[in-house]
């Protein structure tokens, strides 16, 4: 029985080995190649995806640096525009102040001229009134002095005396 068991064991081992080798051959012929091709394709796809990701990362870095350059240029341009706007504002304010000072000077000169004109007119009117009053006073004084005959005679003699001296 031992021999039978040994023969059976050897036969079983032989057939299992043969089936195993046949299975390996069939797997190699029909399964390993498609499996290896699929694994290789997947590996190639992963490599391509990594390469694409690296390219996309590089492109993003380039875009980021371009965006930063554009932002820096925009900031510089904004600063230039703001500086120009401030200069224009300061120029307009300065011109407005100068114009206001010129206008104020003109108004002051016109006011001075009007004051002088009014002053001269008032002085002329005052002189006219003083001269009118002086004439009226002189008339009244002369009337009162010339009211009687003696006074007239004395006045005429006095004036004749003054004229002879000159």
Protein backbone atom coordinates (compact mmCIF):
# COMPACT_ATOMS: atom_id res chain seq x y z
CA UNK A 1 0.00 0.00 0.00
CA UNK A 2 2.82 2.22 0.53
CA UNK A 3 3.78 1.70 -2.99
CA UNK A 4 0.33 2.59 -4.10
CA UNK A 5 0.37 5.67 -2.01
CA UNK A 6 3.83 6.52 -3.36
CA UNK A 7 2.73 5.88 -6.93
CA UNK A 8 -0.42 7.78 -6.28
CA UNK A 9 1.58 10.65 -4.77
CA UNK A 10 4.04 10.61 -7.60
CA UNK A 11 1.28 10.46 -10.20
CA UNK A 12 -0.60 13.20 -8.47
CA UNK A 13 2.55 15.28 -8.27
CA UNK A 14 3.26 14.58 -11.94
CA UNK A 15 -0.23 15.55 -13.06
CA UNK A 16 -0.33 18.61 -10.84
CA UNK A 17 3.03 19.74 -12.18
CA UNK A 18 1.92 19.10 -15.75
CA UNK A 19 -1.32 21.04 -15.18
CA UNK A 20 0.62 23.81 -13.50
CA UNK A 21 3.06 24.06 -16.43
CA UNK A 22 0.19 23.91 -18.88
CA UNK A 23 -1.56 26.64 -16.90
CA UNK A 24 1.58 28.79 -16.94
CA UNK A 25 1.97 28.23 -20.68
CA UNK A 26 -1.67 29.13 -21.34
CA UNK A 27 -1.49 32.12 -19.05
CA UNK A 28 1.73 33.25 -20.76
CA UNK A 29 0.23 32.76 -24.18
CA UNK A 30 -3.20 34.24 -23.54
CA UNK A 31 -3.20 36.15 -20.25
CA UNK A 32 0.28 37.47 -19.42
CA UNK A 33 0.68 39.36 -22.65
CA UNK A 34 -2.66 41.24 -22.37
CA UNK A 35 -2.11 41.78 -18.64
CA UNK A 36 1.43 43.05 -19.20
CA UNK A 37 0.25 45.19 -22.12
CA UNK A 38 -2.50 46.65 -19.92
CA UNK A 39 -0.01 47.28 -17.11
CA UNK A 40 2.43 48.87 -19.58
CA UNK A 41 -0.33 51.01 -21.06
CA UNK A 42 -1.40 52.06 -17.61
CA UNK A 43 2.22 52.85 -16.69
CA UNK A 44 2.59 54.86 -19.91
CA UNK A 45 -0.71 56.65 -19.18
CA UNK A 46 0.49 57.51 -15.68
CA UNK A 47 3.80 58.79 -17.09
CA UNK A 48 1.93 60.89 -19.65
CA UNK A 49 -0.42 62.20 -16.95
CA UNK A 50 2.54 63.11 -14.73
CA UNK A 51 4.26 64.79 -17.68
CA UNK A 52 1.04 66.67 -18.50
CA UNK A 53 0.69 67.67 -14.87
CA UNK A 54 4.29 68.91 -14.83
CA UNK A 55 3.70 70.90 -18.03
CA UNK A 56 0.46 72.31 -16.60
CA UNK A 57 2.29 73.22 -13.39
CA UNK A 58 5.01 74.97 -15.39
CA UNK A 59 2.35 76.76 -17.46
CA UNK A 60 0.58 77.85 -14.28
CA UNK A 61 3.85 79.19 -12.89
CA UNK A 62 4.43 81.07 -16.14
CA UNK A 63 0.88 82.44 -16.03
CA UNK A 64 1.34 83.40 -12.40
CA UNK A 65 4.58 85.24 -13.16
CA UNK A 66 2.91 86.91 -16.17
CA UNK A 67 0.00 87.94 -13.96
CA UNK A 68 2.38 89.32 -11.37
CA UNK A 69 4.20 91.28 -14.08
CA UNK A 70 0.87 92.61 -15.37
CA UNK A 71 -0.17 93.55 -11.84
CA UNK A 72 3.15 95.31 -11.26
CA UNK A 73 2.79 97.18 -14.55
CA UNK A 74 -0.81 98.08 -13.68
CA UNK A 75 0.31 99.37 -10.27
CA UNK A 76 3.05 101.46 -11.89
CA UNK A 77 0.58 102.80 -14.45
CA UNK A 78 -1.95 103.52 -11.68
CA UNK A 79 0.73 105.39 -9.70
CA UNK A 80 1.67 107.41 -12.80
CA UNK A 81 -1.98 108.26 -13.48
CA UNK A 82 -2.54 109.24 -9.84
CA UNK A 83 0.61 111.39 -9.89
CA UNK A 84 -0.54 113.10 -13.09
CA UNK A 85 -4.00 113.63 -11.61
CA UNK A 86 -2.48 115.19 -8.48
CA UNK A 87 -0.28 117.43 -10.62
CA UNK A 88 -3.26 118.50 -12.73
CA UNK A 89 -5.31 119.12 -9.57
CA UNK A 90 -2.50 121.17 -8.02
CA UNK A 91 -2.09 123.10 -11.28
CA UNK A 92 -5.83 123.82 -11.48
CA UNK A 93 -5.95 124.87 -7.83
CA UNK A 94 -2.88 127.08 -8.32
CA UNK A 95 -4.37 128.65 -11.45
CA UNK A 96 -7.67 129.21 -9.65
CA UNK A 97 -5.85 130.88 -6.74
CA UNK A 98 -3.85 133.07 -9.12
CA UNK A 99 -7.01 133.99 -11.04
CA UNK A 100 -8.80 134.75 -7.76
CA UNK A 101 -5.92 136.94 -6.64
CA UNK A 102 -5.93 138.77 -9.99
CA UNK A 103 -9.70 139.25 -9.78
CA UNK A 104 -9.43 140.37 -6.16
CA UNK A 105 -6.71 142.84 -7.17
CA UNK A 106 -8.89 144.18 -9.97
CA UNK A 107 -11.85 144.49 -7.61
CA UNK A 108 -9.70 146.30 -5.03
CA UNK A 109 -8.39 148.68 -7.69
CA UNK A 110 -11.93 149.31 -8.94
CA UNK A 111 -13.10 149.91 -5.38
CA UNK A 112 -10.19 152.31 -4.76
CA UNK A 113 -10.99 154.12 -8.01
CA UNK A 114 -14.67 154.32 -7.04
CA UNK A 115 -13.74 155.55 -3.56
CA UNK A 116 -11.42 158.19 -5.03
CA UNK A 117 -14.07 159.20 -7.53
CA UNK A 118 -16.69 159.47 -4.76
CA UNK A 119 -14.18 161.33 -2.57
CA UNK A 120 -13.38 163.81 -5.35
CA UNK A 121 -17.08 164.28 -6.08
CA UNK A 122 -17.75 164.80 -2.35
CA UNK A 123 -14.84 167.28 -2.13
CA UNK A 124 -16.11 169.16 -5.17
CA UNK A 125 -19.62 169.21 -3.70
CA UNK A 126 -18.22 170.34 -0.35
CA UNK A 127 -16.22 173.11 -2.06
CA UNK A 128 -19.32 174.21 -3.93
CA UNK A 129 -21.33 174.27 -0.72
CA UNK A 130 -18.55 176.12 1.15
CA UNK A 131 -18.24 178.65 -1.64
CA UNK A 132 -22.04 179.09 -1.76
CA UNK A 133 -22.15 179.50 1.99
CA UNK A 134 -19.20 181.91 1.84
CA UNK A 135 -20.94 183.97 -0.79
CA UNK A 136 -24.16 183.99 1.20
CA UNK A 137 -22.29 184.97 4.36
CA UNK A 138 -20.39 187.65 2.46
CA UNK A 139 -23.62 188.92 0.99
CA UNK A 140 -25.27 189.10 4.38
CA UNK A 141 -22.23 190.79 5.89
CA UNK A 142 -22.07 193.28 3.05
CA UNK A 143 -25.78 194.02 3.27
CA UNK A 144 -25.58 194.62 6.95
CA UNK A 145 -22.49 196.80 6.53
CA UNK A 146 -23.91 198.61 3.55
CA UNK A 147 -27.31 199.08 5.06
CA UNK A 148 -26.68 202.66 5.97
CA UNK A 149 -24.97 205.51 4.05
CA UNK A 150 -22.12 206.06 6.48
CA UNK A 151 -21.07 202.48 6.38
CA UNK A 152 -21.05 202.52 2.58
CA UNK A 153 -18.89 205.58 2.50
CA UNK A 154 -16.39 204.15 4.98
CA UNK A 155 -16.17 200.91 3.03
CA UNK A 156 -15.56 202.70 -0.26
CA UNK A 157 -12.85 204.87 1.33
CA UNK A 158 -11.23 201.85 2.90
CA UNK A 159 -11.17 199.98 -0.41
CA UNK A 160 -9.78 203.00 -2.21
CA UNK A 161 -7.09 203.21 0.44
CA UNK A 162 -6.25 199.53 -0.04
CA UNK A 163 -6.10 199.94 -3.82
CA UNK A 164 -3.77 202.99 -3.59
CA UNK A 165 -1.35 201.06 -1.41
CA UNK A 166 -1.02 198.26 -3.86
